[in-house]
Amino acid sequence: MLDRAGHAHADRREVAAIAAGLVQELLGRLDQRVAEGTNDANAQIAAVETFINDGVDAIVLLPTDGAAPAAVAIEAMQAGIPVINVDREFSSPFAARTTILGDNYGMGVSAGTYICEQVGDNPDAVVAEIAGIDSLPLTQDRSQGFEDALSDCGLEVSARVAADFTVAGGEAAASQLLAANPQIDAIWNHDDDQGIGVLAAVEASGRDEFIMMGGAGSRNAMEAIQADDSVLKATVIYPSTQAADGIALARLIAQQKTVGDLITPSVPNRVVLDAPVVTKDNVEEFIDLSFES
């Protein structure tokens, strides 16, 4: 069973990964039941209760948030049904058999490391940051990782604005940033969806003295990186494969198997996926796993 929260920023990428057929061969060997939970925690809870009553072998759940569905996930676990928690971590350690996550802090570290490689030889480099929604822990984690990585090469964030993961928000935030800073050497934009608006603002400004990198890994961004005809030179991955990987882990757990060549006889309790940097040199390795903005 797969229950998917309809979150506009993250969940679409997991759904896209499944739609792309990443687990098609696997699903051919499974009886998969899908409940569309949207952003309604009560609908998710009801769906999980139904699957508990149906006696399914495993539940893969991307919750609306970490708190609301935790109790019903615990109920499933107590009924002997392993729960695989995807992307948003439950508030209780008893709510999931395994948790699979993207690495928001790691995204910031990867972005900062890349920018250090590109402009770190200039101690006066002006590094700008276009964040997502500042109140979200994921944004805070990304910004902290970025700051920590930059500090390793003696750089810091010289200018920072926050957007809202939308095209319009990205354009407005970037326009503000560009107007306030006549010289920039590098920009990290946290999210490729809002990056469409960021690039529109850059194009309208006529400026190209800086390099820019994105975040998440959209097809739009990767195609721009391939074309190499804009300031966008790289993006850092927030994995679109989490739900597909969650289904694969659910099958292994239900069948009491382990992962690949691991010696331990069971699936790990926590899996944090990598946050690699995509450039024109390796974009072919990642573009088939990308999502449409």
C-alpha atoms as a PDB file:
ATOM      1  CA  MET A   1       0.000   0.000   0.000  1.00  0.00           C
ATOM      2  CA  LEU A   2       1.249   3.483  -0.819  1.00  0.00           C
ATOM      3  CA  ASP A   3      -0.369   6.547   0.708  1.00  0.00           C
ATOM      4  CA  ARG A   4       0.832   9.823  -0.778  1.00  0.00           C
ATOM      5  CA  ALA A   5       0.393  13.272   0.676  1.00  0.00           C
ATOM      6  CA  GLY A   6      -0.256  15.825  -2.059  1.00  0.00           C
ATOM      7  CA  HIS A   7       2.391  18.313  -0.978  1.00  0.00           C
ATOM      8  CA  ALA A   8       3.114  20.832  -3.708  1.00  0.00           C
ATOM      9  CA  HIS A   9       6.859  20.965  -3.149  1.00  0.00           C
ATOM     10  CA  ALA A  10       8.083  17.483  -2.368  1.00  0.00           C
ATOM     11  CA  ASP A  11       5.395  14.910  -3.044  1.00  0.00           C
ATOM     12  CA  ARG A  12       5.017  15.674  -6.748  1.00  0.00           C
ATOM     13  CA  ARG A  13       8.576  14.474  -7.224  1.00  0.00           C
ATOM     14  CA  GLU A  14       7.938  11.136  -5.568  1.00  0.00           C
ATOM     15  CA  VAL A  15       4.760  10.655  -7.603  1.00  0.00           C
ATOM     16  CA  ALA A  16       6.637  11.613 -10.763  1.00  0.00           C
ATOM     17  CA  ALA A  17       9.274   9.028  -9.980  1.00  0.00           C
ATOM     18  CA  ILE A  18       6.647   6.306  -9.785  1.00  0.00           C
ATOM     19  CA  ALA A  19       4.849   7.539 -12.898  1.00  0.00           C
ATOM     20  CA  ALA A  20       8.139   7.402 -14.764  1.00  0.00           C
ATOM     21  CA  GLY A  21       8.158   3.656 -14.209  1.00  0.00           C
ATOM     22  CA  LEU A  22      11.083   3.462 -11.806  1.00  0.00           C
ATOM     23  CA  VAL A  23       9.330   0.684  -9.892  1.00  0.00           C
ATOM     24  CA  GLN A  24       7.298  -0.834 -12.710  1.00  0.00           C
ATOM     25  CA  GLU A  25       9.102  -4.151 -12.655  1.00  0.00           C
ATOM     26  CA  LEU A  26       8.838  -4.300  -8.888  1.00  0.00           C
ATOM     27  CA  LEU A  27       5.133  -3.458  -8.855  1.00  0.00           C
ATOM     28  CA  GLY A  28       4.503  -6.220 -11.359  1.00  0.00           C
ATOM     29  CA  ARG A  29       5.341  -8.649  -8.567  1.00  0.00           C
ATOM     30  CA  LEU A  30       3.272  -6.886  -5.902  1.00  0.00           C
ATOM     31  CA  ASP A  31      -0.365  -6.307  -5.090  1.00  0.00           C
ATOM     32  CA  GLN A  32      -0.191  -2.530  -4.792  1.00  0.00           C
ATOM     33  CA  ARG A  33      -3.089  -0.537  -3.338  1.00  0.00           C
ATOM     34  CA  VAL A  34      -2.879   3.238  -3.582  1.00  0.00           C
ATOM     35  CA  ALA A  35      -4.771   5.768  -1.444  1.00  0.00           C
ATOM     36  CA  GLU A  36      -4.487   9.419  -2.448  1.00  0.00           C
ATOM     37  CA  GLY A  37      -4.284  11.327   0.818  1.00  0.00           C
ATOM     38  CA  THR A  38      -3.807  14.841  -0.630  1.00  0.00           C
ATOM     39  CA  ASN A  39      -2.968  17.378   2.110  1.00  0.00           C
ATOM     40  CA  ASP A  40      -5.744  16.192   4.407  1.00  0.00           C
ATOM     41  CA  ALA A  41      -4.326  14.499   7.490  1.00  0.00           C
ATOM     42  CA  ASN A  42      -7.735  13.030   8.356  1.00  0.00           C
ATOM     43  CA  ALA A  43      -7.978  11.449   4.902  1.00  0.00           C
ATOM     44  CA  GLN A  44      -4.537   9.927   5.346  1.00  0.00           C
ATOM     45  CA  ILE A  45      -5.450   8.569   8.766  1.00  0.00           C
ATOM     46  CA  ALA A  46      -8.655   7.040   7.394  1.00  0.00           C
ATOM     47  CA  ALA A  47      -6.730   5.437   4.516  1.00  0.00           C
ATOM     48  CA  VAL A  48      -4.189   3.896   6.867  1.00  0.00           C
ATOM     49  CA  GLU A  49      -6.972   2.577   9.113  1.00  0.00           C
ATOM     50  CA  THR A  50      -8.556   0.936   6.068  1.00  0.00           C
ATOM     51  CA  PHE A  51      -5.302  -0.760   5.153  1.00  0.00           C
ATOM     52  CA  ILE A  52      -4.822  -1.955   8.715  1.00  0.00           C
ATOM     53  CA  ASN A  53      -8.256  -3.538   8.554  1.00  0.00           C
ATOM     54  CA  ASP A  54      -7.367  -5.079   5.185  1.00  0.00           C
ATOM     55  CA  GLY A  55      -4.287  -6.683   6.732  1.00  0.00           C
ATOM     56  CA  VAL A  56      -1.775  -5.414   4.164  1.00  0.00           C
ATOM     57  CA  ASP A  57       1.836  -6.531   4.477  1.00  0.00           C
ATOM     58  CA  ALA A  58       3.456  -3.075   4.506  1.00  0.00           C
ATOM     59  CA  ILE A  59       2.519   0.609   4.274  1.00  0.00           C
ATOM     60  CA  VAL A  60       4.583   3.299   2.541  1.00  0.00           C
ATOM     61  CA  LEU A  61       3.518   6.723   3.776  1.00  0.00           C
ATOM     62  CA  LEU A  62       4.572  10.258   2.940  1.00  0.00           C
ATOM     63  CA  PRO A  63       2.702  12.024   5.749  1.00  0.00           C
ATOM     64  CA  THR A  64       1.098  15.447   5.586  1.00  0.00           C
ATOM     65  CA  ASP A  65       3.303  16.281   8.556  1.00  0.00           C
ATOM     66  CA  GLY A  66       5.269  14.340  11.116  1.00  0.00           C
ATOM     67  CA  ALA A  67       2.750  14.612  13.935  1.00  0.00           C
ATOM     68  CA  ALA A  68      -0.837  14.125  12.778  1.00  0.00           C
ATOM     69  CA  PRO A  69      -0.615  10.611  11.225  1.00  0.00           C
ATOM     70  CA  ALA A  70       1.916   9.323  13.765  1.00  0.00           C
ATOM     71  CA  ALA A  71      -0.677   7.700  16.033  1.00  0.00           C
ATOM     72  CA  VAL A  72      -2.270   5.676  13.239  1.00  0.00           C
ATOM     73  CA  ALA A  73       1.172   4.674  11.988  1.00  0.00           C
ATOM     74  CA  ILE A  74       1.946   3.398  15.486  1.00  0.00           C
ATOM     75  CA  GLU A  75      -1.350   1.495  15.371  1.00  0.00           C
ATOM     76  CA  ALA A  76      -0.231  -0.157  12.127  1.00  0.00           C
ATOM     77  CA  MET A  77       3.131  -1.067  13.602  1.00  0.00           C
ATOM     78  CA  GLN A  78       1.454  -2.577  16.677  1.00  0.00           C
ATOM     79  CA  ALA A  79      -0.734  -4.621  14.327  1.00  0.00           C
ATOM     80  CA  GLY A  80       2.437  -6.115  12.836  1.00  0.00           C
ATOM     81  CA  ILE A  81       2.350  -4.053   9.638  1.00  0.00           C
ATOM     82  CA  PRO A  82       5.703  -2.353   8.962  1.00  0.00           C
ATOM     83  CA  VAL A  83       5.403   1.327   8.033  1.00  0.00           C
ATOM     84  CA  ILE A  84       7.959   2.933   5.725  1.00  0.00           C
ATOM     85  CA  ASN A  85       8.064   6.670   6.427  1.00  0.00           C
ATOM     86  CA  VAL A  86       8.980   8.776   3.377  1.00  0.00           C
ATOM     87  CA  ASP A  87      10.365  12.335   3.313  1.00  0.00           C
ATOM     88  CA  ARG A  88       8.710  13.878   6.395  1.00  0.00           C
ATOM     89  CA  GLU A  89       9.844  12.162   9.558  1.00  0.00           C
ATOM     90  CA  PHE A  90       7.265  11.059  12.108  1.00  0.00           C
ATOM     91  CA  SER A  91       7.303  12.709  15.536  1.00  0.00           C
ATOM     92  CA  SER A  92       7.539   9.291  17.221  1.00  0.00           C
ATOM     93  CA  PRO A  93      10.286   6.686  16.763  1.00  0.00           C
ATOM     94  CA  PHE A  94       7.626   3.991  17.148  1.00  0.00           C
ATOM     95  CA  ALA A  95       5.660   5.071  14.072  1.00  0.00           C
ATOM     96  CA  ALA A  96       7.894   3.509  11.398  1.00  0.00           C
ATOM     97  CA  ARG A  97       9.998   0.436  10.767  1.00  0.00           C
ATOM     98  CA  THR A  98      12.191   2.371   8.338  1.00  0.00           C
ATOM     99  CA  THR A  99      12.449   6.058   7.448  1.00  0.00           C
ATOM    100  CA  ILE A 100      13.793   7.210   4.084  1.00  0.00           C
ATOM    101  CA  LEU A 101      14.741  10.863   3.735  1.00  0.00           C
ATOM    102  CA  GLY A 102      16.326  13.391   1.459  1.00  0.00           C
ATOM    103  CA  ASP A 103      19.249  15.331   2.894  1.00  0.00           C
ATOM    104  CA  ASN A 104      18.406  19.024   3.193  1.00  0.00           C
ATOM    105  CA  TYR A 105      21.502  19.893   5.211  1.00  0.00           C
ATOM    106  CA  GLY A 106      23.538  17.879   2.713  1.00  0.00           C
ATOM    107  CA  MET A 107      22.034  19.896  -0.143  1.00  0.00           C
ATOM    108  CA  GLY A 108      23.420  23.040   1.458  1.00  0.00           C
ATOM    109  CA  VAL A 109      26.811  21.439   1.975  1.00  0.00           C
ATOM    110  CA  SER A 110      26.920  20.276  -1.652  1.00  0.00           C
ATOM    111  CA  ALA A 111      25.901  23.723  -2.900  1.00  0.00           C
ATOM    112  CA  GLY A 112      28.460  25.502  -0.749  1.00  0.00           C
ATOM    113  CA  THR A 113      31.209  23.085  -1.744  1.00  0.00           C
ATOM    114  CA  TYR A 114      30.469  23.608  -5.443  1.00  0.00           C
ATOM    115  CA  ILE A 115      30.515  27.381  -5.089  1.00  0.00           C
ATOM    116  CA  CYS A 116      33.780  27.192  -3.146  1.00  0.00           C
ATOM    117  CA  GLU A 117      35.246  25.231  -6.055  1.00  0.00           C
ATOM    118  CA  GLN A 118      34.071  27.854  -8.534  1.00  0.00           C
ATOM    119  CA  VAL A 119      34.848  31.155  -6.786  1.00  0.00           C
ATOM    120  CA  GLY A 120      36.734  30.198  -3.615  1.00  0.00           C
ATOM    121  CA  ASP A 121      40.005  31.578  -4.947  1.00  0.00           C
ATOM    122  CA  ASN A 122      38.507  35.061  -4.622  1.00  0.00           C
ATOM    123  CA  PRO A 123      38.342  35.967  -0.910  1.00  0.00           C
ATOM    124  CA  ASP A 124      36.090  38.919  -1.741  1.00  0.00           C
ATOM    125  CA  ALA A 125      33.560  36.883  -3.733  1.00  0.00           C
ATOM    126  CA  VAL A 126      29.967  38.004  -3.254  1.00  0.00           C
ATOM    127  CA  VAL A 127      27.854  34.913  -2.638  1.00  0.00           C
ATOM    128  CA  ALA A 128      24.065  35.291  -2.650  1.00  0.00           C
ATOM    129  CA  GLU A 129      21.355  32.897  -1.513  1.00  0.00           C
ATOM    130  CA  ILE A 130      17.718  32.648  -2.587  1.00  0.00           C
ATOM    131  CA  ALA A 131      16.059  30.442  -0.005  1.00  0.00           C
ATOM    132  CA  GLY A 132      12.647  28.844   0.055  1.00  0.00           C
ATOM    133  CA  ILE A 133      10.147  29.430   2.871  1.00  0.00           C
ATOM    134  CA  ASP A 134      12.240  30.548   5.838  1.00  0.00           C
ATOM    135  CA  SER A 135       9.886  29.163   8.483  1.00  0.00           C
ATOM    136  CA  LEU A 136      10.335  25.574   7.255  1.00  0.00           C
ATOM    137  CA  PRO A 137      12.965  23.385   8.946  1.00  0.00           C
ATOM    138  CA  LEU A 138      14.064  22.094   5.516  1.00  0.00           C
ATOM    139  CA  THR A 139      14.970  25.649   4.458  1.00  0.00           C
ATOM    140  CA  GLN A 140      16.805  26.250   7.701  1.00  0.00           C
ATOM    141  CA  ASP A 141      18.756  23.010   7.241  1.00  0.00           C
ATOM    142  CA  ARG A 142      19.698  23.907   3.662  1.00  0.00           C
ATOM    143  CA  SER A 143      20.873  27.370   4.691  1.00  0.00           C
ATOM    144  CA  GLN A 144      22.908  26.015   7.597  1.00  0.00           C
ATOM    145  CA  GLY A 145      24.646  23.459   5.391  1.00  0.00           C
ATOM    146  CA  PHE A 146      25.393  26.162   2.822  1.00  0.00           C
ATOM    147  CA  GLU A 147      26.849  28.478   5.457  1.00  0.00           C
ATOM    148  CA  ASP A 148      28.960  25.703   6.967  1.00  0.00           C
ATOM    149  CA  ALA A 149      30.419  24.639   3.619  1.00  0.00           C
ATOM    150  CA  LEU A 150      31.217  28.197   2.551  1.00  0.00           C
ATOM    151  CA  SER A 151      33.039  28.827   5.800  1.00  0.00           C
ATOM    152  CA  ASP A 152      35.464  26.033   4.954  1.00  0.00           C
ATOM    153  CA  CYS A 153      36.840  28.070   2.062  1.00  0.00           C
ATOM    154  CA  GLY A 154      36.657  31.428   3.820  1.00  0.00           C
ATOM    155  CA  LEU A 155      33.463  32.650   2.156  1.00  0.00           C
ATOM    156  CA  GLU A 156      30.123  33.713   3.599  1.00  0.00           C
ATOM    157  CA  VAL A 157      26.635  34.556   2.390  1.00  0.00           C
ATOM    158  CA  SER A 158      26.846  38.228   1.466  1.00  0.00           C
ATOM    159  CA  ALA A 159      23.208  38.701   0.448  1.00  0.00           C
ATOM    160  CA  ARG A 160      20.133  36.586   1.157  1.00  0.00           C
ATOM    161  CA  VAL A 161      16.448  36.683   0.251  1.00  0.00           C
ATOM    162  CA  ALA A 162      13.655  34.156   0.737  1.00  0.00           C
ATOM    163  CA  ALA A 163      11.020  33.080  -1.784  1.00  0.00           C
ATOM    164  CA  ASP A 164       8.192  30.548  -1.491  1.00  0.00           C
ATOM    165  CA  PHE A 165       8.891  27.674  -3.924  1.00  0.00           C
ATOM    166  CA  THR A 166       6.765  29.328  -6.632  1.00  0.00           C
ATOM    167  CA  VAL A 167       7.746  30.861  -9.965  1.00  0.00           C
ATOM    168  CA  ALA A 168       6.272  34.243  -9.015  1.00  0.00           C
ATOM    169  CA  GLY A 169       7.954  34.183  -5.622  1.00  0.00           C
ATOM    170  CA  GLY A 170      11.297  33.299  -7.168  1.00  0.00           C
ATOM    171  CA  GLU A 171      11.070  36.115  -9.679  1.00  0.00           C
ATOM    172  CA  ALA A 172      10.140  38.684  -7.031  1.00  0.00           C
ATOM    173  CA  ALA A 173      12.893  37.589  -4.632  1.00  0.00           C
ATOM    174  CA  ALA A 174      15.536  37.518  -7.371  1.00  0.00           C
ATOM    175  CA  SER A 175      14.518  40.950  -8.653  1.00  0.00           C
ATOM    176  CA  GLN A 176      14.933  42.310  -5.137  1.00  0.00           C
ATOM    177  CA  LEU A 177      18.321  40.624  -4.745  1.00  0.00           C
ATOM    178  CA  LEU A 178      19.652  41.865  -8.066  1.00  0.00           C
ATOM    179  CA  ALA A 179      18.479  45.437  -7.477  1.00  0.00           C
ATOM    180  CA  ALA A 180      20.180  45.576  -4.085  1.00  0.00           C
ATOM    181  CA  ASN A 181      23.503  44.031  -5.175  1.00  0.00           C
ATOM    182  CA  PRO A 182      25.262  45.524  -8.217  1.00  0.00           C
ATOM    183  CA  GLN A 183      27.985  42.865  -8.136  1.00  0.00           C
ATOM    184  CA  ILE A 184      27.457  39.160  -7.438  1.00  0.00           C
ATOM    185  CA  ASP A 185      29.827  36.271  -8.083  1.00  0.00           C
ATOM    186  CA  ALA A 186      27.632  33.265  -7.279  1.00  0.00           C
ATOM    187  CA  ILE A 187      23.997  32.544  -6.365  1.00  0.00           C
ATOM    188  CA  TRP A 188      22.469  29.440  -4.838  1.00  0.00           C
ATOM    189  CA  ASN A 189      18.730  29.187  -5.410  1.00  0.00           C
ATOM    190  CA  HIS A 190      17.276  26.491  -3.132  1.00  0.00           C
ATOM    191  CA  ASP A 191      14.552  25.237  -5.438  1.00  0.00           C
ATOM    192  CA  ASP A 192      14.310  24.664  -9.192  1.00  0.00           C
ATOM    193  CA  ASP A 193      10.550  25.374  -9.306  1.00  0.00           C
ATOM    194  CA  GLN A 194      11.081  28.915  -8.057  1.00  0.00           C
ATOM    195  CA  GLY A 195      14.243  28.917 -10.168  1.00  0.00           C
ATOM    196  CA  ILE A 196      12.125  29.442 -13.290  1.00  0.00           C
ATOM    197  CA  GLY A 197      11.178  32.837 -11.879  1.00  0.00           C
ATOM    198  CA  VAL A 198      14.711  33.500 -10.719  1.00  0.00           C
ATOM    199  CA  LEU A 199      16.052  32.959 -14.235  1.00  0.00           C
ATOM    200  CA  ALA A 200      13.315  35.211 -15.638  1.00  0.00           C
ATOM    201  CA  ALA A 201      14.443  37.989 -13.304  1.00  0.00           C
ATOM    202  CA  VAL A 202      18.084  37.442 -14.257  1.00  0.00           C
ATOM    203  CA  GLU A 203      17.225  37.587 -17.955  1.00  0.00           C
ATOM    204  CA  ALA A 204      15.198  40.770 -17.457  1.00  0.00           C
ATOM    205  CA  SER A 205      18.130  42.360 -15.624  1.00  0.00           C
ATOM    206  CA  GLY A 206      20.528  41.612 -18.468  1.00  0.00           C
ATOM    207  CA  ARG A 207      23.181  40.514 -15.980  1.00  0.00           C
ATOM    208  CA  ASP A 208      25.490  37.538 -16.389  1.00  0.00           C
ATOM    209  CA  GLU A 209      28.540  38.313 -14.245  1.00  0.00           C
ATOM    210  CA  PHE A 210      27.753  35.484 -11.816  1.00  0.00           C
ATOM    211  CA  ILE A 211      27.215  31.740 -11.828  1.00  0.00           C
ATOM    212  CA  MET A 212      24.053  30.237 -10.394  1.00  0.00           C
ATOM    213  CA  MET A 213      23.151  26.830  -9.090  1.00  0.00           C
ATOM    214  CA  GLY A 214      19.727  25.442  -8.304  1.00  0.00           C
ATOM    215  CA  GLY A 215      18.268  22.860  -5.983  1.00  0.00           C
ATOM    216  CA  ALA A 216      16.016  19.759  -6.186  1.00  0.00           C
ATOM    217  CA  GLY A 217      16.784  18.599  -9.726  1.00  0.00           C
ATOM    218  CA  SER A 218      14.047  19.581 -12.176  1.00  0.00           C
ATOM    219  CA  ARG A 219      14.146  18.659 -15.840  1.00  0.00           C
ATOM    220  CA  ASN A 220      13.901  22.339 -16.725  1.00  0.00           C
ATOM    221  CA  ALA A 221      17.053  23.062 -14.736  1.00  0.00           C
ATOM    222  CA  MET A 222      18.925  20.085 -16.138  1.00  0.00           C
ATOM    223  CA  GLU A 223      18.049  21.012 -19.710  1.00  0.00           C
ATOM    224  CA  ALA A 224      19.324  24.534 -19.070  1.00  0.00           C
ATOM    225  CA  ILE A 225      22.529  23.086 -17.616  1.00  0.00           C
ATOM    226  CA  GLN A 226      22.903  20.881 -20.692  1.00  0.00           C
ATOM    227  CA  ALA A 227      22.397  23.839 -23.034  1.00  0.00           C
ATOM    228  CA  ASP A 228      24.998  25.858 -21.090  1.00  0.00           C
ATOM    229  CA  ASP A 229      23.611  29.134 -22.391  1.00  0.00           C
ATOM    230  CA  SER A 230      22.577  30.827 -19.145  1.00  0.00           C
ATOM    231  CA  VAL A 231      24.024  31.622 -15.728  1.00  0.00           C
ATOM    232  CA  LEU A 232      22.617  28.324 -14.403  1.00  0.00           C
ATOM    233  CA  LYS A 233      25.557  25.930 -14.297  1.00  0.00           C
ATOM    234  CA  ALA A 234      24.533  23.312 -11.721  1.00  0.00           C
ATOM    235  CA  THR A 235      21.794  22.023  -9.445  1.00  0.00           C
ATOM    236  CA  VAL A 236      21.910  19.889  -6.313  1.00  0.00           C
ATOM    237  CA  ILE A 237      19.603  16.888  -6.052  1.00  0.00           C
ATOM    238  CA  TYR A 238      16.756  16.418  -3.618  1.00  0.00           C
ATOM    239  CA  PRO A 239      15.938  12.838  -4.619  1.00  0.00           C
ATOM    240  CA  SER A 240      12.783  12.221  -6.623  1.00  0.00           C
ATOM    241  CA  THR A 241      13.158   8.495  -5.964  1.00  0.00           C
ATOM    242  CA  GLN A 242      12.129   8.468  -2.303  1.00  0.00           C
ATOM    243  CA  ALA A 243       8.703   6.876  -2.809  1.00  0.00           C
ATOM    244  CA  ALA A 244      10.071   4.349  -5.301  1.00  0.00           C
ATOM    245  CA  ASP A 245      12.873   3.509  -2.889  1.00  0.00           C
ATOM    246  CA  GLY A 246      10.308   3.278  -0.091  1.00  0.00           C
ATOM    247  CA  ILE A 247       8.311   0.700  -2.048  1.00  0.00           C
ATOM    248  CA  ALA A 248      11.451  -1.305  -2.694  1.00  0.00           C
ATOM    249  CA  LEU A 249      12.296  -1.249   1.020  1.00  0.00           C
ATOM    250  CA  ALA A 250       8.723  -2.227   1.917  1.00  0.00           C
ATOM    251  CA  ARG A 251       8.985  -5.309  -0.271  1.00  0.00           C
ATOM    252  CA  LEU A 252      12.294  -6.304   1.322  1.00  0.00           C
ATOM    253  CA  ILE A 253      10.940  -5.824   4.844  1.00  0.00           C
ATOM    254  CA  ALA A 254       7.729  -7.749   4.100  1.00  0.00           C
ATOM    255  CA  GLN A 255       9.792 -10.588   2.659  1.00  0.00           C
ATOM    256  CA  GLN A 256      12.296 -10.423   5.558  1.00  0.00           C
ATOM    257  CA  LYS A 257      15.178  -9.647   3.234  1.00  0.00           C
ATOM    258  CA  THR A 258      17.950  -7.074   3.426  1.00  0.00           C
ATOM    259  CA  VAL A 259      19.433  -4.512   1.049  1.00  0.00           C
ATOM    260  CA  GLY A 260      21.774  -5.577  -1.717  1.00  0.00           C
ATOM    261  CA  ASP A 261      25.151  -6.701  -0.480  1.00  0.00           C
ATOM    262  CA  LEU A 262      24.669  -5.679   3.161  1.00  0.00           C
ATOM    263  CA  ILE A 263      25.736  -8.334   5.621  1.00  0.00           C
ATOM    264  CA  THR A 264      23.178  -7.370   8.284  1.00  0.00           C
ATOM    265  CA  PRO A 265      20.091  -9.580   7.837  1.00  0.00           C
ATOM    266  CA  SER A 266      17.526  -6.748   7.926  1.00  0.00           C
ATOM    267  CA  VAL A 267      16.807  -3.389   6.283  1.00  0.00           C
ATOM    268  CA  PRO A 268      18.321  -0.369   8.111  1.00  0.00           C
ATOM    269  CA  ASN A 269      15.985   1.719  10.266  1.00  0.00           C
ATOM    270  CA  ARG A 270      16.981   4.978   8.621  1.00  0.00           C
ATOM    271  CA  VAL A 271      18.120   5.746   5.074  1.00  0.00           C
ATOM    272  CA  VAL A 272      19.281   9.249   4.068  1.00  0.00           C
ATOM    273  CA  LEU A 273      19.714   9.644   0.328  1.00  0.00           C
ATOM    274  CA  ASP A 274      22.605  11.517  -1.240  1.00  0.00           C
ATOM    275  CA  ALA A 275      22.564  15.150  -2.417  1.00  0.00           C
ATOM    276  CA  PRO A 276      24.899  15.136  -5.442  1.00  0.00           C
ATOM    277  CA  VAL A 277      25.697  18.138  -7.625  1.00  0.00           C
ATOM    278  CA  VAL A 278      24.614  17.952 -11.278  1.00  0.00           C
ATOM    279  CA  THR A 279      26.678  19.851 -13.873  1.00  0.00           C
ATOM    280  CA  LYS A 280      26.970  19.636 -17.652  1.00  0.00           C
ATOM    281  CA  ASP A 281      29.630  16.961 -17.106  1.00  0.00           C
ATOM    282  CA  ASN A 282      27.299  14.487 -15.397  1.00  0.00           C
ATOM    283  CA  VAL A 283      23.775  15.668 -16.238  1.00  0.00           C
ATOM    284  CA  GLU A 284      23.135  12.610 -18.416  1.00  0.00           C
ATOM    285  CA  GLU A 285      23.357  10.423 -15.316  1.00  0.00           C
ATOM    286  CA  PHE A 286      20.493  12.274 -13.596  1.00  0.00           C
ATOM    287  CA  ILE A 287      18.153  13.759 -16.157  1.00  0.00           C
ATOM    288  CA  ASP A 288      15.998  10.635 -16.536  1.00  0.00           C
ATOM    289  CA  LEU A 289      15.174  10.831 -12.801  1.00  0.00           C
ATOM    290  CA  SER A 290      14.267  14.516 -12.936  1.00  0.00           C
ATOM    291  CA  PHE A 291      10.794  16.016 -12.460  1.00  0.00           C
ATOM    292  CA  GLU A 292       8.898  18.571 -14.507  1.00  0.00           C
ATOM    293  CA  SER A 293       8.479  21.975 -12.855  1.00  0.00           C
END
